[in-house]
């Protein structure tokens, strides 16, 4: 029980272009700033272009309206939208918006933030940058922080986010360079931008961390599994619950039956359960019957663990 499953990190397929695959999430509650205590974060997987949208509440209608007004209206409809399993993202409102716009909505598995790691890393960067300004009004600092992130050179492709999106560098506050005398025709600019985008598209994603991989081989053929409890545990509470029957197996998650519901659970939260057969063919004698005493009373020195293994207690 002390060694947890750790599967190999799977690399996302590089999207075909900008704003095709988008990750969104929520930050908050934060310190109140102009009546806003939440922030909807959005990031494009291809270009890493990010947006931070202040919100005064996180109702389903507010979140859906903010994403449509601040992202879809500016960058168009993405092919795929990746979110966690928050109630705002699993609501009927966002489901309807996705159907109308033709967006494939994909939710991560529970208690597994690595599935949405793109936006989770953005949260860490944003919070660190906002703290550096030492300003209680984070809503005033947020645009400057986003501008700095968009104009910074990325290590994995040696391009800034602004260059990938616009094809050239943005003018930053304080720059005193004169306007270039040579003007580029729009057609020539478009051709150069297309060549740059082809170069960026062939880049490889840099892996940010390494991990020790451990996957129990019995997970491939076991009928039941235990699920790790990732919420706050009580004292002396078992770290796993179950066992639960396995319905379907995928490379990174299993579909298991929890109280009659089919739930997708990350493989990193599962362990195989060893279940002994309860029913025996007629005419055969079970080991339990052999261990009974002459007065037909069961042997109390033996019991079974949760995994079905026989435990002999000291006499």
Protein backbone atom coordinates (compact mmCIF):
# COMPACT_ATOMS: atom_id res chain seq x y z
CA UNK A 1 0.00 0.00 0.00
CA UNK A 2 2.98 2.33 0.51
CA UNK A 3 4.11 2.30 -3.13
CA UNK A 4 1.76 4.10 -5.48
CA UNK A 5 1.39 3.59 -9.21
CA UNK A 6 3.30 6.07 -11.38
CA UNK A 7 2.80 5.74 -15.11
CA UNK A 8 4.91 7.23 -17.87
CA UNK A 9 4.02 10.78 -18.83
CA UNK A 10 2.31 10.89 -22.20
CA UNK A 11 3.23 13.67 -24.61
CA UNK A 12 0.35 15.57 -26.17
CA UNK A 13 0.21 15.57 -29.94
CA UNK A 14 1.34 18.96 -31.25
CA UNK A 15 -1.76 20.79 -32.57
CA UNK A 16 -1.93 21.60 -36.26
CA UNK A 17 -2.12 25.35 -35.67
CA UNK A 18 -2.80 28.21 -33.32
CA UNK A 19 -5.89 28.21 -31.09
CA UNK A 20 -6.90 24.65 -32.03
CA UNK A 21 -6.50 23.18 -28.52
CA UNK A 22 -7.21 25.39 -25.50
CA UNK A 23 -6.89 24.68 -21.75
CA UNK A 24 -9.00 26.64 -19.25
CA UNK A 25 -9.24 26.69 -15.45
CA UNK A 26 -10.13 28.94 -12.53
CA UNK A 27 -8.00 30.66 -9.87
CA UNK A 28 -9.47 31.82 -6.60
CA UNK A 29 -10.81 33.01 -4.39
CA UNK A 30 -8.17 35.79 -4.44
CA UNK A 31 -8.01 39.02 -2.45
CA UNK A 32 -10.87 41.31 -3.58
CA UNK A 33 -9.86 43.73 -6.34
CA UNK A 34 -12.55 45.98 -7.83
CA UNK A 35 -15.14 43.46 -6.78
CA UNK A 36 -13.39 40.53 -8.47
CA UNK A 37 -12.08 37.55 -6.51
CA UNK A 38 -11.69 34.94 -9.28
CA UNK A 39 -9.76 34.69 -12.53
CA UNK A 40 -10.56 32.52 -15.55
CA UNK A 41 -7.29 31.42 -17.17
CA UNK A 42 -7.03 30.26 -20.79
CA UNK A 43 -3.93 29.09 -22.67
CA UNK A 44 -3.40 27.91 -26.23
CA UNK A 45 -1.43 24.65 -26.43
CA UNK A 46 0.34 25.54 -29.70
CA UNK A 47 1.47 29.12 -29.12
CA UNK A 48 1.17 29.31 -25.29
CA UNK A 49 -0.83 32.53 -25.67
CA UNK A 50 -2.58 33.08 -22.36
CA UNK A 51 -5.46 35.18 -21.11
CA UNK A 52 -6.51 36.06 -17.57
CA UNK A 53 -10.14 37.14 -17.20
CA UNK A 54 -11.20 38.64 -13.82
CA UNK A 55 -14.56 37.43 -12.51
CA UNK A 56 -16.71 38.48 -9.58
CA UNK A 57 -18.31 35.03 -9.36
CA UNK A 58 -17.86 31.60 -10.92
CA UNK A 59 -21.42 30.66 -11.78
CA UNK A 60 -21.86 28.50 -14.85
CA UNK A 61 -23.33 31.35 -16.92
CA UNK A 62 -20.56 33.78 -15.93
CA UNK A 63 -17.76 31.36 -16.84
CA UNK A 64 -19.31 30.38 -20.18
CA UNK A 65 -20.03 34.00 -21.12
CA UNK A 66 -16.49 35.10 -20.17
CA UNK A 67 -14.89 32.37 -22.29
CA UNK A 68 -17.05 33.21 -25.31
CA UNK A 69 -16.58 36.99 -25.06
CA UNK A 70 -12.86 37.03 -24.29
CA UNK A 71 -11.54 34.03 -26.22
CA UNK A 72 -13.90 32.73 -28.92
CA UNK A 73 -14.86 36.24 -30.06
CA UNK A 74 -11.17 37.17 -30.44
CA UNK A 75 -9.40 33.98 -31.54
CA UNK A 76 -12.21 31.89 -33.00
CA UNK A 77 -13.59 28.51 -32.03
CA UNK A 78 -11.06 25.90 -30.86
CA UNK A 79 -11.29 22.30 -32.01
CA UNK A 80 -10.81 20.96 -28.47
CA UNK A 81 -11.34 22.48 -25.02
CA UNK A 82 -9.62 20.77 -22.06
CA UNK A 83 -10.87 21.43 -18.52
CA UNK A 84 -10.89 19.79 -15.11
CA UNK A 85 -14.00 18.28 -13.54
CA UNK A 86 -15.23 21.48 -11.89
CA UNK A 87 -18.98 22.02 -11.77
CA UNK A 88 -18.65 25.14 -13.95
CA UNK A 89 -17.03 23.13 -16.75
CA UNK A 90 -19.38 20.15 -16.55
CA UNK A 91 -22.49 22.31 -16.55
CA UNK A 92 -25.22 22.12 -19.16
CA UNK A 93 -24.45 25.72 -20.17
CA UNK A 94 -20.89 24.96 -21.28
CA UNK A 95 -22.04 21.71 -22.87
CA UNK A 96 -24.57 23.64 -24.94
CA UNK A 97 -22.00 26.29 -25.90
CA UNK A 98 -19.62 23.57 -27.05
CA UNK A 99 -22.29 21.92 -29.21
CA UNK A 100 -23.31 25.23 -30.81
CA UNK A 101 -19.70 26.19 -31.59
CA UNK A 102 -18.59 22.68 -32.58
CA UNK A 103 -16.04 22.30 -29.77
CA UNK A 104 -14.96 18.89 -28.48
CA UNK A 105 -15.09 19.20 -24.70
CA UNK A 106 -12.61 16.99 -22.83
CA UNK A 107 -12.50 16.65 -19.02
CA UNK A 108 -9.54 15.39 -17.03
CA UNK A 109 -9.82 12.55 -14.52
CA UNK A 110 -10.46 13.43 -10.87
CA UNK A 111 -7.55 14.33 -8.57
CA UNK A 112 -5.08 14.26 -11.46
CA UNK A 113 -3.98 17.84 -12.29
CA UNK A 114 -1.18 16.60 -14.55
CA UNK A 115 -3.81 16.07 -17.27
CA UNK A 116 -4.32 19.85 -17.35
CA UNK A 117 -0.72 20.67 -16.51
CA UNK A 118 -0.47 23.33 -19.21
CA UNK A 119 -2.77 25.71 -17.39
CA UNK A 120 -1.67 24.55 -13.91
CA UNK A 121 1.88 25.75 -14.67
CA UNK A 122 0.42 29.04 -15.86
CA UNK A 123 -1.27 29.46 -12.47
CA UNK A 124 2.04 29.06 -10.68
CA UNK A 125 3.76 31.56 -12.97
CA UNK A 126 0.95 34.11 -12.67
CA UNK A 127 0.81 33.95 -8.88
CA UNK A 128 4.59 34.32 -8.59
CA UNK A 129 4.62 37.31 -10.94
CA UNK A 130 1.70 39.03 -9.20
CA UNK A 131 3.36 38.63 -5.80
CA UNK A 132 6.56 40.21 -7.17
CA UNK A 133 4.72 43.50 -7.80
CA UNK A 134 3.74 43.71 -4.12
CA UNK A 135 0.43 45.26 -5.09
CA UNK A 136 -2.86 44.40 -3.43
CA UNK A 137 -4.78 45.37 -6.59
CA UNK A 138 -3.92 42.30 -8.67
CA UNK A 139 -6.45 43.26 -11.34
CA UNK A 140 -4.31 46.34 -12.21
CA UNK A 141 -1.10 44.32 -12.31
CA UNK A 142 -2.48 41.41 -14.36
CA UNK A 143 -2.29 43.08 -17.84
CA UNK A 144 1.37 44.01 -17.34
CA UNK A 145 2.23 40.51 -16.14
CA UNK A 146 0.52 38.96 -19.17
CA UNK A 147 2.37 41.34 -21.51
CA UNK A 148 5.69 40.31 -20.00
CA UNK A 149 4.92 36.60 -20.37
CA UNK A 150 3.81 37.01 -23.98
CA UNK A 151 7.00 38.84 -24.99
CA UNK A 152 9.47 36.54 -23.19
CA UNK A 153 11.57 34.10 -25.25
CA UNK A 154 10.56 30.45 -24.67
CA UNK A 155 13.35 27.97 -24.07
CA UNK A 156 11.86 25.08 -26.04
CA UNK A 157 11.57 26.91 -29.39
CA UNK A 158 13.58 30.16 -29.06
CA UNK A 159 10.49 32.18 -30.02
CA UNK A 160 8.30 34.46 -27.99
CA UNK A 161 4.55 33.92 -27.81
CA UNK A 162 3.93 37.20 -29.61
CA UNK A 163 6.08 36.09 -32.55
CA UNK A 164 4.17 32.83 -32.93
CA UNK A 165 0.80 34.60 -32.89
CA UNK A 166 1.56 37.84 -34.77
CA UNK A 167 4.75 37.00 -36.67
CA UNK A 168 6.68 39.94 -35.19
CA UNK A 169 7.61 41.46 -31.85
CA UNK A 170 5.28 43.81 -30.02
CA UNK A 171 6.39 47.30 -29.08
CA UNK A 172 6.84 47.46 -25.33
CA UNK A 173 6.31 50.52 -23.13
CA UNK A 174 9.51 52.59 -22.98
CA UNK A 175 10.91 51.56 -26.36
CA UNK A 176 12.15 54.64 -28.24
CA UNK A 177 13.10 53.15 -31.59
CA UNK A 178 12.16 55.06 -34.72
CA UNK A 179 9.78 53.52 -37.21
CA UNK A 180 11.65 51.48 -39.86
CA UNK A 181 11.97 53.27 -43.19
CA UNK A 182 11.62 50.05 -45.23
CA UNK A 183 8.01 48.93 -45.42
CA UNK A 184 7.10 45.32 -46.07
CA UNK A 185 4.27 44.57 -48.45
CA UNK A 186 1.36 42.68 -46.90
CA UNK A 187 1.83 39.73 -49.26
CA UNK A 188 5.53 39.44 -48.42
CA UNK A 189 4.74 39.69 -44.73
CA UNK A 190 2.15 36.93 -45.01
CA UNK A 191 4.63 34.63 -46.78
CA UNK A 192 7.30 35.22 -44.15
CA UNK A 193 4.79 34.58 -41.38
CA UNK A 194 3.78 31.28 -42.98
CA UNK A 195 7.42 30.13 -43.16
CA UNK A 196 7.97 31.05 -39.51
CA UNK A 197 4.85 29.15 -38.46
CA UNK A 198 6.06 26.03 -40.30
CA UNK A 199 9.35 26.21 -38.39
CA UNK A 200 7.60 26.63 -35.05
CA UNK A 201 5.20 23.78 -35.82
CA UNK A 202 8.06 21.29 -36.09
CA UNK A 203 9.33 22.00 -32.60
CA UNK A 204 9.36 19.32 -29.92
CA UNK A 205 7.82 19.87 -26.52
CA UNK A 206 10.29 20.05 -23.67
CA UNK A 207 9.56 17.75 -20.75
CA UNK A 208 9.64 19.79 -17.54
CA UNK A 209 10.20 16.98 -15.06
CA UNK A 210 11.24 13.37 -14.81
CA UNK A 211 9.65 10.71 -12.65
CA UNK A 212 10.28 7.17 -11.53
CA UNK A 213 7.85 4.85 -13.30
CA UNK A 214 6.13 2.02 -11.43
CA UNK A 215 3.11 0.14 -12.81
CA UNK A 216 2.02 -3.14 -11.21
CA UNK A 217 1.87 -5.78 -13.95
CA UNK A 218 -1.30 -7.25 -12.42
CA UNK A 219 -3.22 -4.10 -13.39
CA UNK A 220 -3.44 -5.45 -16.93
CA UNK A 221 -5.55 -8.51 -16.02
CA UNK A 222 -7.07 -7.92 -12.57
CA UNK A 223 -10.86 -7.90 -12.29
CA UNK A 224 -11.00 -5.39 -9.40
CA UNK A 225 -8.88 -2.43 -8.30
CA UNK A 226 -8.42 -0.20 -5.27
CA UNK A 227 -8.68 3.57 -5.72
CA UNK A 228 -6.35 5.93 -3.84
CA UNK A 229 -8.07 8.53 -1.65
CA UNK A 230 -6.57 11.91 -2.59
CA UNK A 231 -8.81 14.07 -0.44
CA UNK A 232 -7.77 15.09 3.07
CA UNK A 233 -7.53 11.88 5.06
CA UNK A 234 -8.71 11.31 8.59
CA UNK A 235 -6.37 9.85 11.16
CA UNK A 236 -5.73 6.12 10.67
CA UNK A 237 -7.85 6.15 7.51
CA UNK A 238 -6.84 3.69 4.82
CA UNK A 239 -5.18 5.41 1.83
CA UNK A 240 -7.22 3.28 -0.59
CA UNK A 241 -10.90 2.43 -0.97
CA UNK A 242 -12.62 -0.39 -2.80
CA UNK A 243 -12.28 -2.85 -4.39
CA UNK A 244 -14.19 -1.77 -7.50
CA UNK A 245 -14.81 -3.85 -10.66
CA UNK A 246 -12.95 -2.83 -13.82
CA UNK A 247 -15.23 -2.05 -16.78
CA UNK A 248 -12.73 -0.87 -19.41
CA UNK A 249 -8.96 -0.36 -19.67
CA UNK A 250 -7.17 2.51 -21.42
CA UNK A 251 -3.50 3.45 -21.55
CA UNK A 252 -3.76 6.21 -18.92
CA UNK A 253 -7.04 5.49 -17.12
CA UNK A 254 -9.50 2.74 -16.23
CA UNK A 255 -13.28 2.89 -16.24
CA UNK A 256 -14.47 1.35 -12.97
CA UNK A 257 -17.86 0.76 -11.38
CA UNK A 258 -18.33 2.89 -8.25
CA UNK A 259 -21.76 2.45 -6.67
CA UNK A 260 -23.34 1.68 -10.02
CA UNK A 261 -21.68 4.58 -11.88
CA UNK A 262 -18.99 4.19 -14.54
CA UNK A 263 -16.15 6.54 -13.54
CA UNK A 264 -12.88 7.22 -15.38
CA UNK A 265 -9.98 7.10 -12.92
CA UNK A 266 -6.33 7.84 -13.66
CA UNK A 267 -4.07 4.80 -13.60
CA UNK A 268 -1.82 6.63 -11.11
CA UNK A 269 -4.56 6.29 -8.47
CA UNK A 270 -5.20 2.55 -8.87
CA UNK A 271 -3.82 -0.67 -7.42
CA UNK A 272 -4.79 -4.24 -8.31
CA UNK A 273 -7.10 -6.08 -5.90
CA UNK A 274 -6.69 -9.83 -5.45
CA UNK A 275 -10.17 -11.35 -5.08
CA UNK A 276 -10.64 -15.01 -4.17
CA UNK A 277 -13.46 -16.93 -5.83
CA UNK A 278 -16.51 -17.05 -3.55
CA UNK A 279 -18.53 -19.64 -5.45
CA UNK A 280 -17.27 -23.21 -5.76
CA UNK A 281 -18.56 -26.04 -7.98
CA UNK A 282 -21.00 -28.45 -6.38
CA UNK A 283 -19.49 -31.58 -4.91
CA UNK A 284 -16.20 -29.90 -3.98
CA UNK A 285 -15.01 -29.08 -0.51
CA UNK A 286 -13.60 -25.63 0.22
CA UNK A 287 -10.49 -25.03 2.26
CA UNK A 288 -12.67 -23.31 4.85
CA UNK A 289 -14.65 -26.52 5.45
CA UNK A 290 -11.44 -28.52 5.88
CA UNK A 291 -10.30 -26.18 8.61
CA UNK A 292 -13.47 -26.59 10.70
CA UNK A 293 -13.18 -28.37 14.02
CA UNK A 294 -14.93 -31.63 14.93
CA UNK A 295 -17.84 -29.82 16.62
CA UNK A 296 -18.54 -28.01 13.31
CA UNK A 297 -17.33 -24.60 14.57
CA UNK A 298 -15.12 -22.43 12.36
CA UNK A 299 -11.49 -21.90 13.25
CA UNK A 300 -11.36 -18.39 14.72
CA UNK A 301 -7.58 -18.22 14.31
CA UNK A 302 -8.00 -17.46 10.61
CA UNK A 303 -9.53 -14.47 8.85
CA UNK A 304 -9.34 -12.81 5.45
CA UNK A 305 -7.94 -9.38 4.64
CA UNK A 306 -9.64 -6.83 2.41
CA UNK A 307 -7.66 -8.13 -0.55
CA UNK A 308 -8.90 -11.69 0.06
CA UNK A 309 -5.71 -13.14 1.52
CA UNK A 310 -5.96 -15.57 4.42
CA UNK A 311 -4.42 -14.33 7.69
CA UNK A 312 -3.58 -16.72 10.54
CA UNK A 313 -3.78 -15.05 13.93
CA UNK A 314 -1.44 -16.07 16.77
CA UNK A 315 -2.92 -18.66 19.15
